């Protein structure tokens, strides 16, 4: 279903979901052409997936093995600032927003996994309330010397390491270390 220009959850897939790039003209708005600009792109480490986001807050996933449109994510209320695929899980797409929030999306399953929703809702306020907005997300190349599943997220005056392999337990981010023996 659509609300304005946003795609909302529960949308029924149809034959119109496939994108045919040949011979299609942009639809007209107010008698002129509707121009849409792709603002972000990301390719998975295995080369199978391409994600694009545009200035109308739409995110499309393309399967590069089959050379076809795979799906469209629900639109988000905010513009996407960053897109990155995890090299450890090539179907996991991380979306970053200017309010320093994250969304995780499994492009193969076409959904946000339950653990990902819990993870994103548990981000510390110290991170989500930073003054400067998120600029980008990047995953380092996996290696035996750097075990784990993490990404670097940064703004103009800060850098943060987000560990996706950490177990989410309520209150973990707010607990302070206690000295041994007290």
Protein backbone atom coordinates (compact mmCIF):
# COMPACT_ATOMS: atom_id res chain seq x y z
CA UNK A 1 0.00 0.00 0.00
CA UNK A 2 1.10 3.56 -0.61
CA UNK A 3 0.63 6.60 1.61
CA UNK A 4 1.55 9.59 -0.49
CA UNK A 5 4.85 8.63 -2.08
CA UNK A 6 5.84 6.22 0.72
CA UNK A 7 5.63 2.43 0.49
CA UNK A 8 4.26 0.92 3.68
CA UNK A 9 4.42 -2.58 5.09
CA UNK A 10 1.79 -5.00 3.93
CA UNK A 11 2.06 -3.99 0.30
CA UNK A 12 0.98 -6.79 -1.98
CA UNK A 13 3.56 -7.69 -4.65
CA UNK A 14 2.33 -7.47 -8.20
CA UNK A 15 3.59 -7.89 -11.74
CA UNK A 16 4.13 -4.13 -11.82
CA UNK A 17 6.98 -4.46 -9.28
CA UNK A 18 9.53 -5.37 -11.96
CA UNK A 19 11.52 -2.44 -13.25
CA UNK A 20 11.92 -2.23 -17.01
CA UNK A 21 14.62 0.32 -17.75
CA UNK A 22 14.18 0.32 -21.53
CA UNK A 23 11.79 2.70 -23.21
CA UNK A 24 10.13 4.01 -20.07
CA UNK A 25 9.76 7.73 -19.60
CA UNK A 26 9.37 9.29 -16.16
CA UNK A 27 5.75 9.96 -15.27
CA UNK A 28 4.53 13.51 -15.55
CA UNK A 29 3.76 15.74 -12.58
CA UNK A 30 2.22 19.18 -13.20
CA UNK A 31 2.75 18.77 -16.94
CA UNK A 32 6.53 18.26 -16.60
CA UNK A 33 8.77 15.25 -16.15
CA UNK A 34 9.17 13.71 -12.72
CA UNK A 35 12.88 13.50 -12.10
CA UNK A 36 14.22 11.15 -9.48
CA UNK A 37 17.84 11.11 -8.44
CA UNK A 38 19.62 8.07 -7.02
CA UNK A 39 21.42 9.38 -3.93
CA UNK A 40 23.09 6.24 -2.53
CA UNK A 41 24.28 2.90 -3.90
CA UNK A 42 25.83 -0.18 -2.29
CA UNK A 43 26.97 -3.52 -3.71
CA UNK A 44 27.28 -6.65 -1.60
CA UNK A 45 30.75 -8.15 -1.12
CA UNK A 46 29.77 -11.25 -3.10
CA UNK A 47 28.52 -9.12 -6.02
CA UNK A 48 24.99 -10.53 -5.92
CA UNK A 49 23.06 -7.52 -4.58
CA UNK A 50 22.80 -3.84 -5.49
CA UNK A 51 20.87 -1.45 -3.27
CA UNK A 52 19.91 2.06 -4.35
CA UNK A 53 18.07 4.82 -2.55
CA UNK A 54 16.66 7.94 -4.15
CA UNK A 55 15.56 11.43 -3.24
CA UNK A 56 11.95 10.22 -2.85
CA UNK A 57 13.03 7.92 0.04
CA UNK A 58 12.62 4.73 -1.98
CA UNK A 59 15.11 1.87 -1.69
CA UNK A 60 15.33 -0.73 -4.44
CA UNK A 61 17.20 -4.02 -4.32
CA UNK A 62 18.49 -5.57 -7.54
CA UNK A 63 19.78 -9.11 -7.99
CA UNK A 64 22.93 -8.77 -10.10
CA UNK A 65 23.18 -12.53 -10.71
CA UNK A 66 19.77 -12.53 -12.41
CA UNK A 67 20.06 -8.91 -13.64
CA UNK A 68 16.60 -8.02 -12.39
CA UNK A 69 14.76 -5.98 -9.78
CA UNK A 70 14.37 -8.04 -6.60
CA UNK A 71 12.32 -5.87 -4.23
CA UNK A 72 11.53 -2.44 -2.89
CA UNK A 73 11.93 -1.75 0.81
CA UNK A 74 9.24 0.10 2.73
CA UNK A 75 9.88 3.83 2.67
CA UNK A 76 11.25 5.37 5.81
CA UNK A 77 10.20 8.68 7.32
CA UNK A 78 13.75 10.03 7.02
CA UNK A 79 16.12 10.19 4.07
CA UNK A 80 18.74 7.46 3.98
CA UNK A 81 22.24 8.83 4.64
CA UNK A 82 24.20 5.58 4.26
CA UNK A 83 23.86 2.12 2.72
CA UNK A 84 26.26 -0.76 3.31
CA UNK A 85 26.17 -4.53 2.90
CA UNK A 86 27.88 -6.69 5.50
CA UNK A 87 30.74 -8.79 4.08
CA UNK A 88 30.13 -11.38 6.83
CA UNK A 89 26.45 -11.71 5.79
CA UNK A 90 26.22 -10.46 2.18
CA UNK A 91 22.41 -10.31 2.24
CA UNK A 92 22.38 -8.01 5.30
CA UNK A 93 21.89 -4.36 4.33
CA UNK A 94 22.53 -1.62 6.90
CA UNK A 95 20.71 1.68 6.38
CA UNK A 96 21.81 4.74 8.34
CA UNK A 97 19.76 7.90 8.90
CA UNK A 98 20.64 11.49 9.83
CA UNK A 99 19.04 11.06 13.27
CA UNK A 100 21.75 8.44 13.98
CA UNK A 101 19.35 5.54 13.83
CA UNK A 102 20.00 2.33 11.93
CA UNK A 103 17.80 -0.19 10.14
CA UNK A 104 18.94 -3.68 9.15
CA UNK A 105 17.34 -5.51 6.25
CA UNK A 106 17.75 -9.09 5.02
CA UNK A 107 17.41 -8.64 1.26
CA UNK A 108 17.00 -12.38 0.56
CA UNK A 109 14.15 -12.76 3.07
CA UNK A 110 12.76 -9.32 2.13
CA UNK A 111 12.28 -8.40 5.77
CA UNK A 112 13.98 -6.94 8.80
CA UNK A 113 14.96 -9.84 11.07
CA UNK A 114 13.53 -9.85 14.60
CA UNK A 115 17.02 -9.70 16.14
CA UNK A 116 17.79 -6.66 13.99
CA UNK A 117 14.73 -4.74 15.15
CA UNK A 118 15.67 -5.45 18.77
CA UNK A 119 19.29 -4.46 18.07
CA UNK A 120 18.34 -1.16 16.39
CA UNK A 121 15.86 -0.29 19.15
CA UNK A 122 18.58 -0.94 21.77
CA UNK A 123 21.19 1.48 20.42
CA UNK A 124 22.53 3.65 23.24
CA UNK A 125 21.15 7.17 23.60
CA UNK A 126 24.73 8.40 23.69
CA UNK A 127 24.92 7.28 20.05
CA UNK A 128 21.43 8.18 18.83
CA UNK A 129 21.50 11.63 20.45
CA UNK A 130 24.86 12.77 19.07
CA UNK A 131 24.78 16.36 17.88
CA UNK A 132 26.24 15.68 14.42
CA UNK A 133 24.31 13.46 12.02
CA UNK A 134 25.54 10.14 10.71
CA UNK A 135 27.45 10.48 7.43
CA UNK A 136 28.32 6.92 6.46
CA UNK A 137 28.63 3.24 7.44
CA UNK A 138 31.48 0.97 6.36
CA UNK A 139 32.41 -2.62 7.09
CA UNK A 140 36.11 -3.52 7.22
CA UNK A 141 37.23 -6.51 5.20
CA UNK A 142 36.79 -9.63 7.35
CA UNK A 143 40.00 -11.34 8.41
CA UNK A 144 41.12 -13.88 11.02
CA UNK A 145 43.04 -11.07 12.75
CA UNK A 146 39.76 -9.13 13.26
CA UNK A 147 37.11 -11.62 14.31
CA UNK A 148 33.54 -10.48 14.80
CA UNK A 149 30.86 -8.75 12.80
CA UNK A 150 31.16 -5.00 13.12
CA UNK A 151 30.96 -1.77 11.17
CA UNK A 152 32.30 1.72 11.54
CA UNK A 153 29.70 4.48 11.62
CA UNK A 154 30.76 8.11 11.57
CA UNK A 155 29.68 11.72 11.53
CA UNK A 156 31.71 14.88 11.00
CA UNK A 157 33.11 14.91 14.56
CA UNK A 158 32.72 11.33 15.78
CA UNK A 159 33.47 7.70 14.94
CA UNK A 160 31.71 4.67 16.38
CA UNK A 161 32.28 0.92 16.11
CA UNK A 162 29.00 -1.00 16.02
CA UNK A 163 29.32 -4.68 16.91
CA UNK A 164 26.51 -6.64 15.25
CA UNK A 165 27.63 -9.93 16.79
CA UNK A 166 27.03 -8.66 20.36
CA UNK A 167 24.13 -10.22 22.16
CA UNK A 168 21.41 -7.70 22.94
CA UNK A 169 20.30 -7.82 26.56
CA UNK A 170 18.10 -5.22 28.14
CA UNK A 171 20.04 -2.51 29.92
CA UNK A 172 23.51 -3.52 28.66
CA UNK A 173 24.25 -0.12 27.21
CA UNK A 174 23.37 1.75 30.39
CA UNK A 175 25.27 -0.36 32.91
CA UNK A 176 28.47 1.02 34.34
CA UNK A 177 31.39 -1.18 35.24
CA UNK A 178 31.74 -1.97 38.90
CA UNK A 179 35.10 -2.47 40.50
CA UNK A 180 35.97 -5.97 41.58
CA UNK A 181 35.58 -6.47 45.32
CA UNK A 182 32.89 -3.85 45.90
